[in-house]
Amino acid sequence: MRREPTARQLRLATELRRLREAAGLNSREAAALLGVSPAQITHIESGLAGVSEKRLRRLASHYACTDTEFIDALVAMATDRTQGWWEEYRGLLPTPFLDLAELEHHAGFQRHVAILYVPGLLQTEDYARAVFSSRLPELTDEEVELRIRHRMARQEIRIPYEVVLHEAALRIRVDDRATSKAQLAQLLTLSEADHITLRVIPFDLDGFAKASSTMTYVGGPLPKLDTVVRDAPHGSVFIDADAQLNTYRTSFRTVEASSLASEQSREFIHKLTKEL
């Protein structure tokens, strides 16, 4: 039995429960079809116990799921034994930090809308240090440095990354003028990377209400396995309901359509850099 399932393990458990419910079966009926106890089904659907490829495919068959691509994706999640770089932080950082790193490791792409802060994947070390140093309750120097090291390691990912930044995130000084100038310079450099598309929403652009909410959209192996990550006072929240995913997909494209083109965005950031 797992003491603390990861977000990826919980997502697999959620998808298996959704398949069972869509088939109109309760856990006792599912257990009878599989030849196990109802408690075993409950443990699998809560992420406390794993499931073999053989059992997963049998469950999918009993649930009349004919989406082979989806089943194969679930099997990959169930049989994955990756011990990622983030595991070295287990017990040192809050679990959501590890879950986010694992989610990004398996992602096919990522999209981000940022209103007040530059996203973590684009931050300089000094910018990240200023952000973490301002947290309440106050973090120790060791805790701050651990978070910075973890954030810098996340930046090694080279999946397609689309970012829409509001001008507020570019202008707010989380630290001093030098930190802000270095951060803007980093954004200009990263915007030239093949896997990064960076766009800006200036203050004087109409339609700000469409971009009034920060979000991170992470693409899974299939659209139905995408995830939205939202920051909350108690930590990150992972959203995976179909209706909500559709809403966030539409929201991002609406925000993107309201922003400056990539070249115009680079010119805008360059102008802000000169002002500093």
Protein backbone atom coordinates (compact mmCIF):
# COMPACT_ATOMS: atom_id res chain seq x y z
CA MET A 1 0.00 0.00 0.00
CA ARG A 2 1.26 3.46 -0.91
CA ARG A 3 1.45 6.01 1.86
CA GLU A 4 1.28 9.03 -0.43
CA PRO A 5 0.33 8.50 -4.10
CA THR A 6 1.79 10.94 -6.60
CA ALA A 7 -0.47 13.14 -8.71
CA ARG A 8 0.23 10.87 -11.70
CA GLN A 9 -0.83 7.78 -9.74
CA LEU A 10 -3.95 9.58 -8.54
CA ARG A 11 -4.78 10.59 -12.13
CA LEU A 12 -4.63 6.95 -13.22
CA ALA A 13 -6.88 6.00 -10.30
CA THR A 14 -9.35 8.74 -11.24
CA GLU A 15 -9.52 7.61 -14.87
CA LEU A 16 -10.18 3.99 -13.83
CA ARG A 17 -12.97 5.14 -11.53
CA ARG A 18 -14.49 7.23 -14.32
CA LEU A 19 -14.44 4.22 -16.65
CA ARG A 20 -16.21 2.08 -14.06
CA GLU A 21 -18.85 4.71 -13.37
CA ALA A 22 -19.41 5.23 -17.12
CA ALA A 23 -20.06 1.48 -17.36
CA GLY A 24 -22.72 1.77 -14.65
CA LEU A 25 -20.92 -0.58 -12.25
CA ASN A 26 -20.26 -0.19 -8.54
CA SER A 27 -16.97 -1.27 -6.94
CA ARG A 28 -18.45 -4.58 -5.72
CA GLU A 29 -19.58 -5.50 -9.23
CA ALA A 30 -16.23 -4.53 -10.70
CA ALA A 31 -14.43 -6.61 -8.07
CA ALA A 32 -16.55 -9.65 -8.92
CA LEU A 33 -15.70 -9.34 -12.62
CA LEU A 34 -11.99 -9.16 -11.79
CA GLY A 35 -12.09 -11.85 -9.09
CA VAL A 36 -10.78 -9.62 -6.31
CA SER A 37 -12.23 -8.05 -3.19
CA PRO A 38 -14.15 -4.74 -3.34
CA ALA A 39 -11.45 -3.30 -1.09
CA GLN A 40 -8.87 -3.97 -3.81
CA ILE A 41 -10.89 -1.95 -6.33
CA THR A 42 -11.23 0.84 -3.77
CA HIS A 43 -7.48 0.86 -3.18
CA ILE A 44 -6.76 0.97 -6.93
CA GLU A 45 -9.25 3.80 -7.47
CA SER A 46 -7.77 5.83 -4.62
CA GLY A 47 -4.22 5.42 -5.87
CA LEU A 48 -3.18 3.51 -2.75
CA ALA A 49 -2.49 0.35 -4.77
CA GLY A 50 -1.08 -0.15 -8.24
CA VAL A 51 -2.60 -2.21 -11.02
CA SER A 52 -0.85 -4.53 -13.48
CA GLU A 53 -1.19 -4.20 -17.25
CA LYS A 54 -3.13 -7.47 -17.38
CA ARG A 55 -5.66 -6.37 -14.76
CA LEU A 56 -6.00 -2.91 -16.25
CA ARG A 57 -6.81 -4.30 -19.69
CA ARG A 58 -9.29 -6.75 -18.16
CA LEU A 59 -11.00 -3.89 -16.33
CA ALA A 60 -11.16 -1.83 -19.53
CA SER A 61 -12.73 -4.81 -21.31
CA HIS A 62 -15.31 -5.30 -18.55
CA TYR A 63 -16.05 -1.57 -18.70
CA ALA A 64 -16.61 -1.84 -22.48
CA CYS A 65 -13.94 0.76 -23.20
CA THR A 66 -12.91 0.40 -26.87
CA ASP A 67 -10.57 3.39 -27.04
CA THR A 68 -7.33 1.44 -27.48
CA GLU A 69 -5.17 4.56 -27.60
CA PHE A 70 -6.57 5.70 -24.26
CA ILE A 71 -6.15 2.24 -22.71
CA ASP A 72 -2.54 2.08 -23.92
CA ALA A 73 -1.90 5.49 -22.32
CA LEU A 74 -3.33 4.26 -19.01
CA VAL A 75 -1.17 1.14 -19.22
CA ALA A 76 1.90 3.33 -19.72
CA MET A 77 0.95 5.27 -16.58
CA ALA A 78 0.36 2.07 -14.61
CA THR A 79 3.60 0.36 -15.57
CA ASP A 80 5.92 3.39 -15.50
CA ARG A 81 8.71 2.94 -12.96
CA THR A 82 10.56 6.17 -13.64
CA GLN A 83 12.61 7.46 -10.73
CA GLY A 84 12.97 11.04 -11.90
CA TRP A 85 15.43 13.67 -10.76
CA TRP A 86 12.70 15.17 -8.56
CA GLU A 87 12.84 12.16 -6.23
CA GLU A 88 15.97 13.55 -4.60
CA TYR A 89 13.76 16.29 -3.17
CA ARG A 90 11.23 13.92 -1.61
CA GLY A 91 10.98 14.73 2.07
CA LEU A 92 12.75 18.04 1.50
CA LEU A 93 10.12 19.94 -0.50
CA PRO A 94 6.31 19.88 -0.34
CA THR A 95 4.79 17.11 -2.47
CA PRO A 96 3.20 19.51 -5.04
CA PHE A 97 6.71 20.55 -6.15
CA LEU A 98 7.49 16.92 -6.99
CA ASP A 99 4.11 16.31 -8.60
CA LEU A 100 4.56 19.31 -10.90
CA ALA A 101 8.03 18.18 -11.97
CA GLU A 102 6.71 14.66 -12.70
CA LEU A 103 3.77 16.09 -14.64
CA GLU A 104 6.08 18.23 -16.78
CA HIS A 105 8.45 15.29 -17.34
CA HIS A 106 5.68 13.27 -19.01
CA ALA A 107 4.05 16.24 -20.79
CA GLY A 108 3.89 16.73 -24.54
CA PHE A 109 3.54 20.52 -24.34
CA GLN A 110 2.81 23.30 -21.87
CA ARG A 111 0.89 26.57 -22.05
CA HIS A 112 0.97 29.34 -19.49
CA VAL A 113 -0.89 32.60 -18.82
CA ALA A 114 0.92 34.83 -16.30
CA ILE A 115 -0.46 38.05 -14.86
CA LEU A 116 1.72 39.10 -11.90
CA TYR A 117 4.89 36.99 -12.04
CA VAL A 118 7.18 35.61 -14.71
CA PRO A 119 6.54 31.81 -14.87
CA GLY A 120 8.96 29.59 -13.01
CA LEU A 121 10.24 27.94 -16.20
CA LEU A 122 11.48 31.34 -17.42
CA GLN A 123 12.80 32.83 -14.18
CA THR A 124 16.40 33.74 -13.45
CA GLU A 125 17.89 32.50 -10.18
CA ASP A 126 17.79 35.99 -8.65
CA TYR A 127 14.16 36.48 -9.66
CA ALA A 128 13.22 33.08 -8.20
CA ARG A 129 15.13 33.87 -5.01
CA ALA A 130 13.21 37.13 -4.59
CA VAL A 131 9.88 35.34 -5.10
CA PHE A 132 10.62 32.55 -2.63
CA SER A 133 12.14 34.96 -0.08
CA SER A 134 8.87 36.90 0.04
CA ARG A 135 6.76 33.87 1.02
CA LEU A 136 4.81 33.82 4.26
CA PRO A 137 5.44 32.12 6.57
CA GLU A 138 9.07 33.01 5.95
CA LEU A 139 11.31 30.28 4.56
CA THR A 140 14.78 29.50 5.86
CA ASP A 141 17.78 30.14 3.61
CA GLU A 142 18.11 26.38 3.08
CA GLU A 143 14.45 26.06 2.07
CA VAL A 144 14.79 28.95 -0.38
CA GLU A 145 17.88 27.46 -2.00
CA LEU A 146 16.24 24.03 -2.31
CA ARG A 147 13.29 25.60 -4.12
CA ILE A 148 15.57 27.54 -6.44
CA ARG A 149 17.61 24.44 -7.29
CA HIS A 150 14.42 22.50 -8.00
CA ARG A 151 13.05 25.31 -10.19
CA MET A 152 16.25 25.58 -12.21
CA ALA A 153 16.20 21.80 -12.78
CA ARG A 154 12.64 22.06 -14.14
CA GLN A 155 13.90 24.48 -16.78
CA GLU A 156 15.86 21.69 -18.51
CA ILE A 157 12.63 20.47 -20.13
CA ARG A 158 12.47 21.14 -23.89
CA ILE A 159 8.81 20.50 -24.70
CA PRO A 160 6.83 23.08 -26.76
CA TYR A 161 6.04 25.94 -24.38
CA GLU A 162 3.57 28.73 -25.19
CA VAL A 163 3.52 31.66 -22.76
CA VAL A 164 1.30 34.74 -22.61
CA LEU A 165 2.65 37.38 -20.21
CA HIS A 166 0.72 40.41 -19.07
CA GLU A 167 2.67 43.67 -18.92
CA ALA A 168 2.14 43.71 -15.15
CA ALA A 169 4.31 40.60 -14.78
CA LEU A 170 7.05 42.36 -16.75
CA ARG A 171 6.93 45.61 -14.79
CA ILE A 172 6.48 44.41 -11.20
CA ARG A 173 9.85 44.49 -9.46
CA VAL A 174 10.06 41.45 -7.23
CA ASP A 175 13.50 42.70 -6.19
CA ASP A 176 15.70 45.55 -7.46
CA ARG A 177 16.20 47.18 -10.85
CA ALA A 178 19.14 44.92 -11.75
CA THR A 179 17.10 41.77 -11.11
CA SER A 180 14.25 43.06 -13.26
CA LYS A 181 16.58 44.04 -16.09
CA ALA A 182 18.31 40.66 -16.04
CA GLN A 183 14.94 38.91 -16.07
CA LEU A 184 13.75 40.86 -19.09
CA ALA A 185 17.03 40.08 -20.86
CA GLN A 186 16.50 36.40 -20.12
CA LEU A 187 13.00 36.55 -21.58
CA LEU A 188 14.37 38.06 -24.78
CA THR A 189 16.95 35.28 -25.03
CA LEU A 190 14.46 32.50 -24.30
CA SER A 191 11.92 33.90 -26.76
CA GLU A 192 14.37 32.98 -29.52
CA ALA A 193 14.40 29.30 -28.51
CA ASP A 194 12.75 26.93 -30.96
CA HIS A 195 10.46 25.37 -28.35
CA ILE A 196 9.27 28.63 -26.74
CA THR A 197 6.57 30.98 -28.03
CA LEU A 198 6.27 34.14 -25.94
CA ARG A 199 3.53 36.74 -26.34
CA VAL A 200 2.69 39.87 -24.34
CA ILE A 201 -0.54 41.61 -23.39
CA PRO A 202 0.18 45.34 -22.85
CA PHE A 203 -1.84 47.45 -20.44
CA ASP A 204 -3.31 49.46 -23.34
CA LEU A 205 -4.58 46.41 -25.23
CA ASP A 206 -8.35 45.94 -25.14
CA GLY A 207 -9.91 42.83 -23.64
CA PHE A 208 -7.93 42.41 -20.42
CA ALA A 209 -10.84 40.58 -18.78
CA LYS A 210 -10.07 37.64 -21.06
CA ALA A 211 -6.63 37.34 -19.45
CA SER A 212 -7.45 38.01 -15.82
CA SER A 213 -6.51 34.58 -14.49
CA THR A 214 -3.16 32.82 -14.26
CA MET A 215 -3.08 29.20 -15.40
CA THR A 216 -0.74 26.44 -16.52
CA TYR A 217 -2.04 23.96 -19.09
CA VAL A 218 -0.04 20.74 -19.42
CA GLY A 219 -0.61 18.42 -22.37
CA GLY A 220 -0.83 14.69 -21.74
CA PRO A 221 -0.39 11.82 -24.22
CA LEU A 222 -4.04 12.38 -25.23
CA PRO A 223 -6.24 15.47 -24.85
CA LYS A 224 -8.42 13.68 -22.28
CA LEU A 225 -5.28 13.22 -20.14
CA ASP A 226 -4.34 16.91 -20.16
CA THR A 227 -4.06 18.74 -16.82
CA VAL A 228 -4.54 22.33 -15.70
CA VAL A 229 -2.50 23.52 -12.72
CA ARG A 230 -3.79 26.41 -10.64
CA ASP A 231 -2.01 27.99 -7.70
CA ALA A 232 -3.94 28.12 -4.42
CA PRO A 233 -3.05 29.35 -0.90
CA HIS A 234 -2.46 25.77 0.25
CA GLY A 235 -0.51 24.70 -2.86
CA SER A 236 -1.07 23.72 -6.47
CA VAL A 237 -4.43 22.30 -7.58
CA PHE A 238 -4.55 19.82 -10.47
CA ILE A 239 -7.69 20.00 -12.63
CA ASP A 240 -8.62 17.19 -15.03
CA ALA A 241 -12.41 17.15 -15.55
CA ASP A 242 -13.30 17.14 -19.27
CA ALA A 243 -15.61 20.15 -19.08
CA GLN A 244 -13.03 22.24 -17.24
CA LEU A 245 -10.24 21.22 -19.61
CA ASN A 246 -12.35 22.37 -22.55
CA THR A 247 -12.98 25.67 -20.81
CA TYR A 248 -9.27 26.26 -20.21
CA ARG A 249 -8.35 25.27 -23.77
CA THR A 250 -10.78 27.88 -25.06
CA SER A 251 -9.59 30.41 -22.49
CA PHE A 252 -5.95 30.08 -23.53
CA ARG A 253 -6.70 30.48 -27.22
CA THR A 254 -8.86 33.52 -26.46
CA VAL A 255 -6.06 35.09 -24.42
CA GLU A 256 -3.52 34.24 -27.11
CA ALA A 257 -5.67 35.93 -29.76
CA SER A 258 -5.79 39.08 -27.62
CA SER A 259 -2.00 39.31 -27.26
CA LEU A 260 0.75 40.79 -29.40
CA ALA A 261 2.45 38.61 -32.00
CA SER A 262 5.78 37.05 -31.03
CA GLU A 263 7.97 39.62 -32.83
CA GLN A 264 5.93 42.53 -31.49
CA SER A 265 6.21 41.00 -28.01
CA ARG A 266 10.00 40.87 -28.25
CA GLU A 267 10.06 44.49 -29.34
CA PHE A 268 7.82 45.38 -26.40
CA ILE A 269 10.10 43.61 -23.89
CA HIS A 270 13.17 45.22 -25.47
CA LYS A 271 11.55 48.63 -25.02
CA LEU A 272 10.86 47.90 -21.32
CA THR A 273 14.48 46.82 -20.88
CA LYS A 274 15.74 50.12 -22.28
CA GLU A 275 13.43 52.01 -19.87
CA LEU A 276 15.15 50.31 -16.94
